[in-house]
Amino acid sequence: MSQKLEDKVKSNKADDIIILRQYFETAHEAEEVNPLYYWKKHTKDKPAFTILSKNLFCVPASSCASERAFSKTGQIVSDRRCALKSNIVDKLLFLNKNQTK
């Protein structure tokens, strides 16, 4: 039996689906619970989500990133391109931010 488990091909997508399903099946916490305390308490049973929560709840040390985004938006939405829809501007900003150099 253990040989079958060892021979089984690992799938990251399947593992992620299982982890996500387990997360959604857990009981809800009260709204008053501080998210930082919740993730500190559940570090061992939800390691993948703990890493994600650290990225989401961290506070940037400066406002440089947001200032760069506003500056780039000003460059994209110029007098000649003032009729762009907001979803197009969002997509252009996303592409600009994530382009490889």
PDB file of N, CA and C in Angstrom:
ATOM      1  N   MET A   1       0.825  -1.186   0.000  1.00  0.00           N
ATOM      2  CA  MET A   1       0.000   0.000   0.000  1.00  0.00           C
ATOM      3  C   MET A   1       0.871   1.253   0.000  1.00  0.00           C
ATOM      4  N   SER A   2       1.917   1.265   0.822  1.00  0.00           N
ATOM      5  CA  SER A   2       2.779   2.445   0.874  1.00  0.00           C
ATOM      6  C   SER A   2       3.528   2.629  -0.437  1.00  0.00           C
ATOM      7  N   GLN A   3       3.801   1.531  -1.140  1.00  0.00           N
ATOM      8  CA  GLN A   3       4.475   1.636  -2.435  1.00  0.00           C
ATOM      9  C   GLN A   3       3.586   2.354  -3.442  1.00  0.00           C
ATOM     10  N   LYS A   4       2.275   2.088  -3.381  1.00  0.00           N
ATOM     11  CA  LYS A   4       1.351   2.765  -4.282  1.00  0.00           C
ATOM     12  C   LYS A   4       1.346   4.269  -4.014  1.00  0.00           C
ATOM     13  N   LEU A   5       1.398   4.638  -2.755  1.00  0.00           N
ATOM     14  CA  LEU A   5       1.402   6.052  -2.417  1.00  0.00           C
ATOM     15  C   LEU A   5       2.685   6.726  -2.872  1.00  0.00           C
ATOM     16  N   GLU A   6       3.804   6.029  -2.772  1.00  0.00           N
ATOM     17  CA  GLU A   6       5.074   6.591  -3.201  1.00  0.00           C
ATOM     18  C   GLU A   6       5.151   6.718  -4.719  1.00  0.00           C
ATOM     19  N   ASP A   7       4.521   5.781  -5.434  1.00  0.00           N
ATOM     20  CA  ASP A   7       4.541   5.813  -6.895  1.00  0.00           C
ATOM     21  C   ASP A   7       3.564   6.822  -7.468  1.00  0.00           C
ATOM     22  N   LYS A   8       2.643   7.265  -6.664  1.00  0.00           N
ATOM     23  CA  LYS A   8       1.629   8.204  -7.132  1.00  0.00           C
ATOM     24  C   LYS A   8       2.293   9.518  -7.553  1.00  0.00           C
ATOM     25  N   VAL A   9       1.895  10.028  -8.690  1.00  0.00           N
ATOM     26  CA  VAL A   9       2.459  11.273  -9.205  1.00  0.00           C
ATOM     27  C   VAL A   9       1.870  12.438  -8.416  1.00  0.00           C
ATOM     28  N   LYS A  10       2.740  13.312  -7.956  1.00  0.00           N
ATOM     29  CA  LYS A  10       2.305  14.495  -7.219  1.00  0.00           C
ATOM     30  C   LYS A  10       1.826  15.543  -8.208  1.00  0.00           C
ATOM     31  N   SER A  11       0.741  16.206  -7.860  1.00  0.00           N
ATOM     32  CA  SER A  11       0.216  17.273  -8.695  1.00  0.00           C
ATOM     33  C   SER A  11       0.028  18.514  -7.832  1.00  0.00           C
ATOM     34  N   ASN A  12       0.737  19.575  -8.154  1.00  0.00           N
ATOM     35  CA  ASN A  12       0.606  20.800  -7.379  1.00  0.00           C
ATOM     36  C   ASN A  12      -0.800  21.365  -7.457  1.00  0.00           C
ATOM     37  N   LYS A  13      -1.411  21.260  -8.615  1.00  0.00           N
ATOM     38  CA  LYS A  13      -2.765  21.786  -8.784  1.00  0.00           C
ATOM     39  C   LYS A  13      -3.746  21.023  -7.898  1.00  0.00           C
ATOM     40  N   ALA A  14      -3.633  19.708  -7.862  1.00  0.00           N
ATOM     41  CA  ALA A  14      -4.524  18.899  -7.025  1.00  0.00           C
ATOM     42  C   ALA A  14      -4.279  19.189  -5.548  1.00  0.00           C
ATOM     43  N   ASP A  15      -3.013  19.334  -5.166  1.00  0.00           N
ATOM     44  CA  ASP A  15      -2.695  19.656  -3.779  1.00  0.00           C
ATOM     45  C   ASP A  15      -3.271  21.015  -3.389  1.00  0.00           C
ATOM     46  N   ASP A  16      -3.167  21.980  -4.298  1.00  0.00           N
ATOM     47  CA  ASP A  16      -3.710  23.310  -4.024  1.00  0.00           C
ATOM     48  C   ASP A  16      -5.226  23.283  -3.875  1.00  0.00           C
ATOM     49  N   ILE A  17      -5.886  22.494  -4.701  1.00  0.00           N
ATOM     50  CA  ILE A  17      -7.345  22.375  -4.608  1.00  0.00           C
ATOM     51  C   ILE A  17      -7.742  21.757  -3.276  1.00  0.00           C
ATOM     52  N   ILE A  18      -7.016  20.753  -2.836  1.00  0.00           N
ATOM     53  CA  ILE A  18      -7.309  20.107  -1.548  1.00  0.00           C
ATOM     54  C   ILE A  18      -7.109  21.087  -0.401  1.00  0.00           C
ATOM     55  N   ILE A  19      -6.014  21.843  -0.430  1.00  0.00           N
ATOM     56  CA  ILE A  19      -5.741  22.820   0.628  1.00  0.00           C
ATOM     57  C   ILE A  19      -6.825  23.887   0.652  1.00  0.00           C
ATOM     58  N   LEU A  20      -7.213  24.363  -0.522  1.00  0.00           N
ATOM     59  CA  LEU A  20      -8.257  25.387  -0.599  1.00  0.00           C
ATOM     60  C   LEU A  20      -9.591  24.853  -0.085  1.00  0.00           C
ATOM     61  N   ARG A  21      -9.925  23.630  -0.441  1.00  0.00           N
ATOM     62  CA  ARG A  21     -11.179  23.026   0.031  1.00  0.00           C
ATOM     63  C   ARG A  21     -11.158  22.871   1.556  1.00  0.00           C
ATOM     64  N   GLN A  22     -10.032  22.440   2.117  1.00  0.00           N
ATOM     65  CA  GLN A  22      -9.930  22.308   3.573  1.00  0.00           C
ATOM     66  C   GLN A  22     -10.100  23.663   4.246  1.00  0.00           C
ATOM     67  N   TYR A  23      -9.533  24.703   3.645  1.00  0.00           N
ATOM     68  CA  TYR A  23      -9.648  26.048   4.219  1.00  0.00           C
ATOM     69  C   TYR A  23     -11.108  26.504   4.226  1.00  0.00           C
ATOM     70  N   PHE A  24     -11.817  26.290   3.122  1.00  0.00           N
ATOM     71  CA  PHE A  24     -13.207  26.729   3.048  1.00  0.00           C
ATOM     72  C   PHE A  24     -14.134  25.902   3.934  1.00  0.00           C
ATOM     73  N   GLU A  25     -13.733  24.687   4.271  1.00  0.00           N
ATOM     74  CA  GLU A  25     -14.568  23.838   5.114  1.00  0.00           C
ATOM     75  C   GLU A  25     -14.370  24.085   6.606  1.00  0.00           C
ATOM     76  N   THR A  26     -13.361  24.858   6.977  1.00  0.00           N
ATOM     77  CA  THR A  26     -13.146  25.146   8.395  1.00  0.00           C
ATOM     78  C   THR A  26     -14.176  26.154   8.882  1.00  0.00           C
ATOM     79  N   ALA A  27     -14.434  26.135  10.176  1.00  0.00           N
ATOM     80  CA  ALA A  27     -15.428  27.036  10.765  1.00  0.00           C
ATOM     81  C   ALA A  27     -14.945  28.484  10.689  1.00  0.00           C
ATOM     82  N   HIS A  28     -15.892  29.391  10.537  1.00  0.00           N
ATOM     83  CA  HIS A  28     -15.575  30.817  10.466  1.00  0.00           C
ATOM     84  C   HIS A  28     -15.219  31.352  11.842  1.00  0.00           C
ATOM     85  N   GLU A  29     -14.310  32.303  11.866  1.00  0.00           N
ATOM     86  CA  GLU A  29     -13.972  32.997  13.098  1.00  0.00           C
ATOM     87  C   GLU A  29     -14.896  34.207  13.244  1.00  0.00           C
ATOM     88  N   ALA A  30     -14.990  34.712  14.445  1.00  0.00           N
ATOM     89  CA  ALA A  30     -15.789  35.913  14.677  1.00  0.00           C
ATOM     90  C   ALA A  30     -15.135  37.106  13.966  1.00  0.00           C
ATOM     91  N   GLU A  31     -15.949  38.104  13.609  1.00  0.00           N
ATOM     92  CA  GLU A  31     -15.421  39.266  12.893  1.00  0.00           C
ATOM     93  C   GLU A  31     -14.443  40.070  13.736  1.00  0.00           C
ATOM     94  N   GLU A  32     -14.553  39.970  15.040  1.00  0.00           N
ATOM     95  CA  GLU A  32     -13.698  40.759  15.924  1.00  0.00           C
ATOM     96  C   GLU A  32     -12.274  40.214  16.015  1.00  0.00           C
ATOM     97  N   VAL A  33     -12.051  39.008  15.516  1.00  0.00           N
ATOM     98  CA  VAL A  33     -10.736  38.375  15.622  1.00  0.00           C
ATOM     99  C   VAL A  33      -9.736  39.123  14.746  1.00  0.00           C
ATOM    100  N   ASN A  34      -8.612  39.453  15.330  1.00  0.00           N
ATOM    101  CA  ASN A  34      -7.544  40.119  14.608  1.00  0.00           C
ATOM    102  C   ASN A  34      -6.929  39.124  13.620  1.00  0.00           C
ATOM    103  N   PRO A  35      -6.836  39.462  12.322  1.00  0.00           N
ATOM    104  CA  PRO A  35      -6.285  38.528  11.339  1.00  0.00           C
ATOM    105  C   PRO A  35      -4.859  38.089  11.646  1.00  0.00           C
ATOM    106  N   LEU A  36      -4.067  38.982  12.221  1.00  0.00           N
ATOM    107  CA  LEU A  36      -2.691  38.617  12.538  1.00  0.00           C
ATOM    108  C   LEU A  36      -2.630  37.541  13.624  1.00  0.00           C
ATOM    109  N   TYR A  37      -3.506  37.656  14.638  1.00  0.00           N
ATOM    110  CA  TYR A  37      -3.553  36.624  15.681  1.00  0.00           C
ATOM    111  C   TYR A  37      -4.080  35.302  15.125  1.00  0.00           C
ATOM    112  N   TYR A  38      -5.062  35.395  14.221  1.00  0.00           N
ATOM    113  CA  TYR A  38      -5.615  34.180  13.613  1.00  0.00           C
ATOM    114  C   TYR A  38      -4.517  33.415  12.884  1.00  0.00           C
ATOM    115  N   TRP A  39      -3.735  34.100  12.051  1.00  0.00           N
ATOM    116  CA  TRP A  39      -2.706  33.411  11.280  1.00  0.00           C
ATOM    117  C   TRP A  39      -1.552  32.943  12.151  1.00  0.00           C
ATOM    118  N   LYS A  40      -1.296  33.658  13.243  1.00  0.00           N
ATOM    119  CA  LYS A  40      -0.269  33.202  14.176  1.00  0.00           C
ATOM    120  C   LYS A  40      -0.704  31.897  14.833  1.00  0.00           C
ATOM    121  N   LYS A  41      -1.997  31.804  15.137  1.00  0.00           N
ATOM    122  CA  LYS A  41      -2.543  30.608  15.778  1.00  0.00           C
ATOM    123  C   LYS A  41      -2.603  29.421  14.808  1.00  0.00           C
ATOM    124  N   HIS A  42      -2.820  29.679  13.521  1.00  0.00           N
ATOM    125  CA  HIS A  42      -3.013  28.608  12.539  1.00  0.00           C
ATOM    126  C   HIS A  42      -1.806  28.413  11.611  1.00  0.00           C
ATOM    127  N   THR A  43      -0.635  28.784  12.072  1.00  0.00           N
ATOM    128  CA  THR A  43       0.561  28.662  11.243  1.00  0.00           C
ATOM    129  C   THR A  43       0.864  27.214  10.879  1.00  0.00           C
ATOM    130  N   LYS A  44       0.729  26.327  11.838  1.00  0.00           N
ATOM    131  CA  LYS A  44       1.113  24.929  11.603  1.00  0.00           C
ATOM    132  C   LYS A  44       0.103  24.159  10.759  1.00  0.00           C
ATOM    133  N   ASP A  45      -1.197  24.430  10.921  1.00  0.00           N
ATOM    134  CA  ASP A  45      -2.184  23.649  10.169  1.00  0.00           C
ATOM    135  C   ASP A  45      -2.502  24.243   8.796  1.00  0.00           C
ATOM    136  N   LYS A  46      -2.071  25.478   8.524  1.00  0.00           N
ATOM    137  CA  LYS A  46      -2.293  26.090   7.213  1.00  0.00           C
ATOM    138  C   LYS A  46      -1.025  26.801   6.739  1.00  0.00           C
ATOM    139  N   PRO A  47       0.055  26.063   6.485  1.00  0.00           N
ATOM    140  CA  PRO A  47       1.322  26.726   6.149  1.00  0.00           C
ATOM    141  C   PRO A  47       1.280  27.507   4.836  1.00  0.00           C
ATOM    142  N   ALA A  48       0.583  26.994   3.833  1.00  0.00           N
ATOM    143  CA  ALA A  48       0.543  27.697   2.547  1.00  0.00           C
ATOM    144  C   ALA A  48      -0.176  29.037   2.685  1.00  0.00           C
ATOM    145  N   PHE A  49      -1.275  29.038   3.422  1.00  0.00           N
ATOM    146  CA  PHE A  49      -2.023  30.280   3.612  1.00  0.00           C
ATOM    147  C   PHE A  49      -1.294  31.239   4.551  1.00  0.00           C
ATOM    148  N   THR A  50      -0.490  30.719   5.432  1.00  0.00           N
ATOM    149  CA  THR A  50       0.278  31.582   6.329  1.00  0.00           C
ATOM    150  C   THR A  50       1.274  32.418   5.535  1.00  0.00           C
ATOM    151  N   ILE A  51       1.937  31.799   4.580  1.00  0.00           N
ATOM    152  CA  ILE A  51       2.886  32.536   3.732  1.00  0.00           C
ATOM    153  C   ILE A  51       2.154  33.608   2.937  1.00  0.00           C
ATOM    154  N   LEU A  52       1.004  33.245   2.393  1.00  0.00           N
ATOM    155  CA  LEU A  52       0.207  34.202   1.635  1.00  0.00           C
ATOM    156  C   LEU A  52      -0.267  35.351   2.513  1.00  0.00           C
ATOM    157  N   SER A  53      -0.691  35.049   3.725  1.00  0.00           N
ATOM    158  CA  SER A  53      -1.185  36.103   4.620  1.00  0.00           C
ATOM    159  C   SER A  53      -0.073  37.069   5.009  1.00  0.00           C
ATOM    160  N   LYS A  54       1.147  36.560   5.155  1.00  0.00           N
ATOM    161  CA  LYS A  54       2.258  37.456   5.474  1.00  0.00           C
ATOM    162  C   LYS A  54       2.498  38.456   4.360  1.00  0.00           C
ATOM    163  N   ASN A  55       2.325  38.022   3.123  1.00  0.00           N
ATOM    164  CA  ASN A  55       2.488  38.931   1.996  1.00  0.00           C
ATOM    165  C   ASN A  55       1.346  39.940   1.926  1.00  0.00           C
ATOM    166  N   LEU A  56       0.132  39.510   2.254  1.00  0.00           N
ATOM    167  CA  LEU A  56      -1.020  40.394   2.151  1.00  0.00           C
ATOM    168  C   LEU A  56      -1.097  41.395   3.296  1.00  0.00           C
ATOM    169  N   PHE A  57      -0.713  40.985   4.498  1.00  0.00           N
ATOM    170  CA  PHE A  57      -0.868  41.846   5.662  1.00  0.00           C
ATOM    171  C   PHE A  57       0.352  42.699   5.967  1.00  0.00           C
ATOM    172  N   CYS A  58       1.414  42.544   5.194  1.00  0.00           N
ATOM    173  CA  CYS A  58       2.586  43.356   5.483  1.00  0.00           C
ATOM    174  C   CYS A  58       2.337  44.785   5.013  1.00  0.00           C
ATOM    175  N   VAL A  59       2.839  45.732   5.771  1.00  0.00           N
ATOM    176  CA  VAL A  59       2.663  47.146   5.456  1.00  0.00           C
ATOM    177  C   VAL A  59       3.929  47.640   4.769  1.00  0.00           C
ATOM    178  N   PRO A  60       3.787  48.261   3.597  1.00  0.00           N
ATOM    179  CA  PRO A  60       4.985  48.762   2.931  1.00  0.00           C
ATOM    180  C   PRO A  60       5.660  49.846   3.768  1.00  0.00           C
ATOM    181  N   ALA A  61       6.960  49.865   3.740  1.00  0.00           N
ATOM    182  CA  ALA A  61       7.721  50.823   4.543  1.00  0.00           C
ATOM    183  C   ALA A  61       7.657  52.232   3.978  1.00  0.00           C
ATOM    184  N   SER A  62       7.341  52.358   2.702  1.00  0.00           N
ATOM    185  CA  SER A  62       7.261  53.696   2.105  1.00  0.00           C
ATOM    186  C   SER A  62       6.114  53.743   1.110  1.00  0.00           C
ATOM    187  N   SER A  63       5.853  54.928   0.621  1.00  0.00           N
ATOM    188  CA  SER A  63       4.770  55.113  -0.342  1.00  0.00           C
ATOM    189  C   SER A  63       5.291  55.174  -1.775  1.00  0.00           C
ATOM    190  N   CYS A  64       6.530  54.776  -1.985  1.00  0.00           N
ATOM    191  CA  CYS A  64       7.133  54.870  -3.319  1.00  0.00           C
ATOM    192  C   CYS A  64       6.373  54.068  -4.363  1.00  0.00           C
ATOM    193  N   ALA A  65       5.951  52.873  -4.011  1.00  0.00           N
ATOM    194  CA  ALA A  65       5.252  52.034  -4.993  1.00  0.00           C
ATOM    195  C   ALA A  65       3.944  52.670  -5.439  1.00  0.00           C
ATOM    196  N   SER A  66       3.180  53.200  -4.494  1.00  0.00           N
ATOM    197  CA  SER A  66       1.911  53.828  -4.875  1.00  0.00           C
ATOM    198  C   SER A  66       2.157  55.116  -5.657  1.00  0.00           C
ATOM    199  N   GLU A  67       3.199  55.871  -5.296  1.00  0.00           N
ATOM    200  CA  GLU A  67       3.523  57.098  -6.039  1.00  0.00           C
ATOM    201  C   GLU A  67       3.944  56.769  -7.468  1.00  0.00           C
ATOM    202  N   ARG A  68       4.689  55.675  -7.637  1.00  0.00           N
ATOM    203  CA  ARG A  68       5.069  55.250  -8.986  1.00  0.00           C
ATOM    204  C   ARG A  68       3.853  54.862  -9.808  1.00  0.00           C
ATOM    205  N   ALA A  69       2.901  54.179  -9.162  1.00  0.00           N
ATOM    206  CA  ALA A  69       1.680  53.773  -9.869  1.00  0.00           C
ATOM    207  C   ALA A  69       0.878  54.997 -10.315  1.00  0.00           C
ATOM    208  N   PHE A  70       0.734  55.980  -9.439  1.00  0.00           N
ATOM    209  CA  PHE A  70       0.013  57.197  -9.815  1.00  0.00           C
ATOM    210  C   PHE A  70       0.733  57.938 -10.944  1.00  0.00           C
ATOM    211  N   SER A  71       2.047  57.974 -10.875  1.00  0.00           N
ATOM    212  CA  SER A  71       2.823  58.640 -11.913  1.00  0.00           C
ATOM    213  C   SER A  71       2.648  57.941 -13.254  1.00  0.00           C
ATOM    214  N   LYS A  72       2.710  56.614 -13.238  1.00  0.00           N
ATOM    215  CA  LYS A  72       2.549  55.845 -14.472  1.00  0.00           C
ATOM    216  C   LYS A  72       1.136  56.021 -15.025  1.00  0.00           C
ATOM    217  N   THR A  73       0.134  56.108 -14.144  1.00  0.00           N
ATOM    218  CA  THR A  73      -1.235  56.334 -14.595  1.00  0.00           C
ATOM    219  C   THR A  73      -1.339  57.676 -15.296  1.00  0.00           C
ATOM    220  N   GLY A  74      -0.685  58.686 -14.750  1.00  0.00           N
ATOM    221  CA  GLY A  74      -0.667  59.995 -15.395  1.00  0.00           C
ATOM    222  C   GLY A  74      -0.021  59.961 -16.764  1.00  0.00           C
ATOM    223  N   GLN A  75       0.973  59.103 -16.938  1.00  0.00           N
ATOM    224  CA  GLN A  75       1.618  58.975 -18.247  1.00  0.00           C
ATOM    225  C   GLN A  75       0.718  58.239 -19.235  1.00  0.00           C
ATOM    226  N   ILE A  76      -0.020  57.240 -18.744  1.00  0.00           N
ATOM    227  CA  ILE A  76      -0.898  56.464 -19.623  1.00  0.00           C
ATOM    228  C   ILE A  76      -2.112  57.286 -20.042  1.00  0.00           C
ATOM    229  N   VAL A  77      -2.746  57.934 -19.083  1.00  0.00           N
ATOM    230  CA  VAL A  77      -3.954  58.709 -19.368  1.00  0.00           C
ATOM    231  C   VAL A  77      -3.520  60.153 -19.634  1.00  0.00           C
ATOM    232  N   SER A  78      -3.150  60.413 -20.858  1.00  0.00           N
ATOM    233  CA  SER A  78      -2.731  61.758 -21.248  1.00  0.00           C
ATOM    234  C   SER A  78      -3.911  62.462 -21.922  1.00  0.00           C
ATOM    235  N   ASP A  79      -3.681  63.682 -22.421  1.00  0.00           N
ATOM    236  CA  ASP A  79      -4.745  64.421 -23.104  1.00  0.00           C
ATOM    237  C   ASP A  79      -5.245  63.673 -24.335  1.00  0.00           C
ATOM    238  N   ARG A  80      -4.353  62.975 -24.998  1.00  0.00           N
ATOM    239  CA  ARG A  80      -4.736  62.247 -26.213  1.00  0.00           C
ATOM    240  C   ARG A  80      -5.442  60.928 -25.899  1.00  0.00           C
ATOM    241  N   ARG A  81      -5.281  60.421 -24.683  1.00  0.00           N
ATOM    242  CA  ARG A  81      -5.864  59.127 -24.320  1.00  0.00           C
ATOM    243  C   ARG A  81      -6.826  59.266 -23.152  1.00  0.00           C
ATOM    244  N   CYS A  82      -7.491  60.396 -23.039  1.00  0.00           N
ATOM    245  CA  CYS A  82      -8.353  60.646 -21.888  1.00  0.00           C
ATOM    246  C   CYS A  82      -9.668  59.872 -21.937  1.00  0.00           C
ATOM    247  N   ALA A  83      -9.981  59.249 -23.054  1.00  0.00           N
ATOM    248  CA  ALA A  83     -11.242  58.518 -23.174  1.00  0.00           C
ATOM    249  C   ALA A  83     -11.086  57.024 -22.840  1.00  0.00           C
ATOM    250  N   LEU A  84      -9.936  56.625 -22.342  1.00  0.00           N
ATOM    251  CA  LEU A  84      -9.731  55.211 -21.996  1.00  0.00           C
ATOM    252  C   LEU A  84     -10.651  54.813 -20.851  1.00  0.00           C
ATOM    253  N   LYS A  85     -11.216  53.635 -20.965  1.00  0.00           N
ATOM    254  CA  LYS A  85     -12.061  53.118 -19.881  1.00  0.00           C
ATOM    255  C   LYS A  85     -11.172  52.659 -18.728  1.00  0.00           C
ATOM    256  N   SER A  86     -11.750  52.653 -17.533  1.00  0.00           N
ATOM    257  CA  SER A  86     -10.958  52.331 -16.341  1.00  0.00           C
ATOM    258  C   SER A  86     -10.398  50.914 -16.381  1.00  0.00           C
ATOM    259  N   ASN A  87     -11.163  49.962 -16.934  1.00  0.00           N
ATOM    260  CA  ASN A  87     -10.648  48.587 -16.979  1.00  0.00           C
ATOM    261  C   ASN A  87      -9.454  48.465 -17.928  1.00  0.00           C
ATOM    262  N   ILE A  88      -9.430  49.279 -18.992  1.00  0.00           N
ATOM    263  CA  ILE A  88      -8.287  49.271 -19.914  1.00  0.00           C
ATOM    264  C   ILE A  88      -7.063  49.887 -19.224  1.00  0.00           C
ATOM    265  N   VAL A  89      -7.276  50.973 -18.487  1.00  0.00           N
ATOM    266  CA  VAL A  89      -6.173  51.593 -17.752  1.00  0.00           C
ATOM    267  C   VAL A  89      -5.618  50.610 -16.729  1.00  0.00           C
ATOM    268  N   ASP A  90      -6.510  49.892 -16.023  1.00  0.00           N
ATOM    269  CA  ASP A  90      -6.062  48.889 -15.051  1.00  0.00           C
ATOM    270  C   ASP A  90      -5.207  47.823 -15.720  1.00  0.00           C
ATOM    271  N   LYS A  91      -5.639  47.355 -16.890  1.00  0.00           N
ATOM    272  CA  LYS A  91      -4.884  46.325 -17.594  1.00  0.00           C
ATOM    273  C   LYS A  91      -3.528  46.847 -18.063  1.00  0.00           C
ATOM    274  N   LEU A  92      -3.500  48.082 -18.564  1.00  0.00           N
ATOM    275  CA  LEU A  92      -2.231  48.668 -18.996  1.00  0.00           C
ATOM    276  C   LEU A  92      -1.264  48.837 -17.823  1.00  0.00           C
ATOM    277  N   LEU A  93      -1.791  49.274 -16.676  1.00  0.00           N
ATOM    278  CA  LEU A  93      -0.942  49.397 -15.482  1.00  0.00           C
ATOM    279  C   LEU A  93      -0.423  48.045 -15.040  1.00  0.00           C
ATOM    280  N   PHE A  94      -1.283  47.033 -15.071  1.00  0.00           N
ATOM    281  CA  PHE A  94      -0.874  45.681 -14.694  1.00  0.00           C
ATOM    282  C   PHE A  94       0.242  45.194 -15.604  1.00  0.00           C
ATOM    283  N   LEU A  95       0.056  45.362 -16.905  1.00  0.00           N
ATOM    284  CA  LEU A  95       1.080  44.916 -17.850  1.00  0.00           C
ATOM    285  C   LEU A  95       2.389  45.677 -17.651  1.00  0.00           C
ATOM    286  N   ASN A  96       2.291  46.976 -17.421  1.00  0.00           N
ATOM    287  CA  ASN A  96       3.494  47.767 -17.200  1.00  0.00           C
ATOM    288  C   ASN A  96       4.224  47.343 -15.932  1.00  0.00           C
ATOM    289  N   LYS A  97       3.469  47.086 -14.885  1.00  0.00           N
ATOM    290  CA  LYS A  97       4.073  46.710 -13.595  1.00  0.00           C
ATOM    291  C   LYS A  97       4.733  45.325 -13.678  1.00  0.00           C
ATOM    292  N   ASN A  98       4.159  44.422 -14.463  1.00  0.00           N
ATOM    293  CA  ASN A  98       4.625  43.034 -14.483  1.00  0.00           C
ATOM    294  C   ASN A  98       5.478  42.674 -15.680  1.00  0.00           C
ATOM    295  N   GLN A  99       5.855  43.653 -16.470  1.00  0.00           N
ATOM    296  CA  GLN A  99       6.698  43.322 -17.625  1.00  0.00           C
ATOM    297  C   GLN A  99       8.106  42.982 -17.179  1.00  0.00           C
ATOM    298  N   THR A 100       8.731  42.064 -17.888  1.00  0.00           N
ATOM    299  CA  THR A 100      10.111  41.703 -17.575  1.00  0.00           C
ATOM    300  C   THR A 100      11.033  42.606 -18.369  1.00  0.00           C
ATOM    301  N   LYS A 101      12.118  42.938 -17.766  1.00  0.00           N
ATOM    302  CA  LYS A 101      13.046  43.880 -18.414  1.00  0.00           C
ATOM    303  C   LYS A 101      14.224  43.180 -19.002  1.00  0.00           C
TER     304      LYS A 101
END
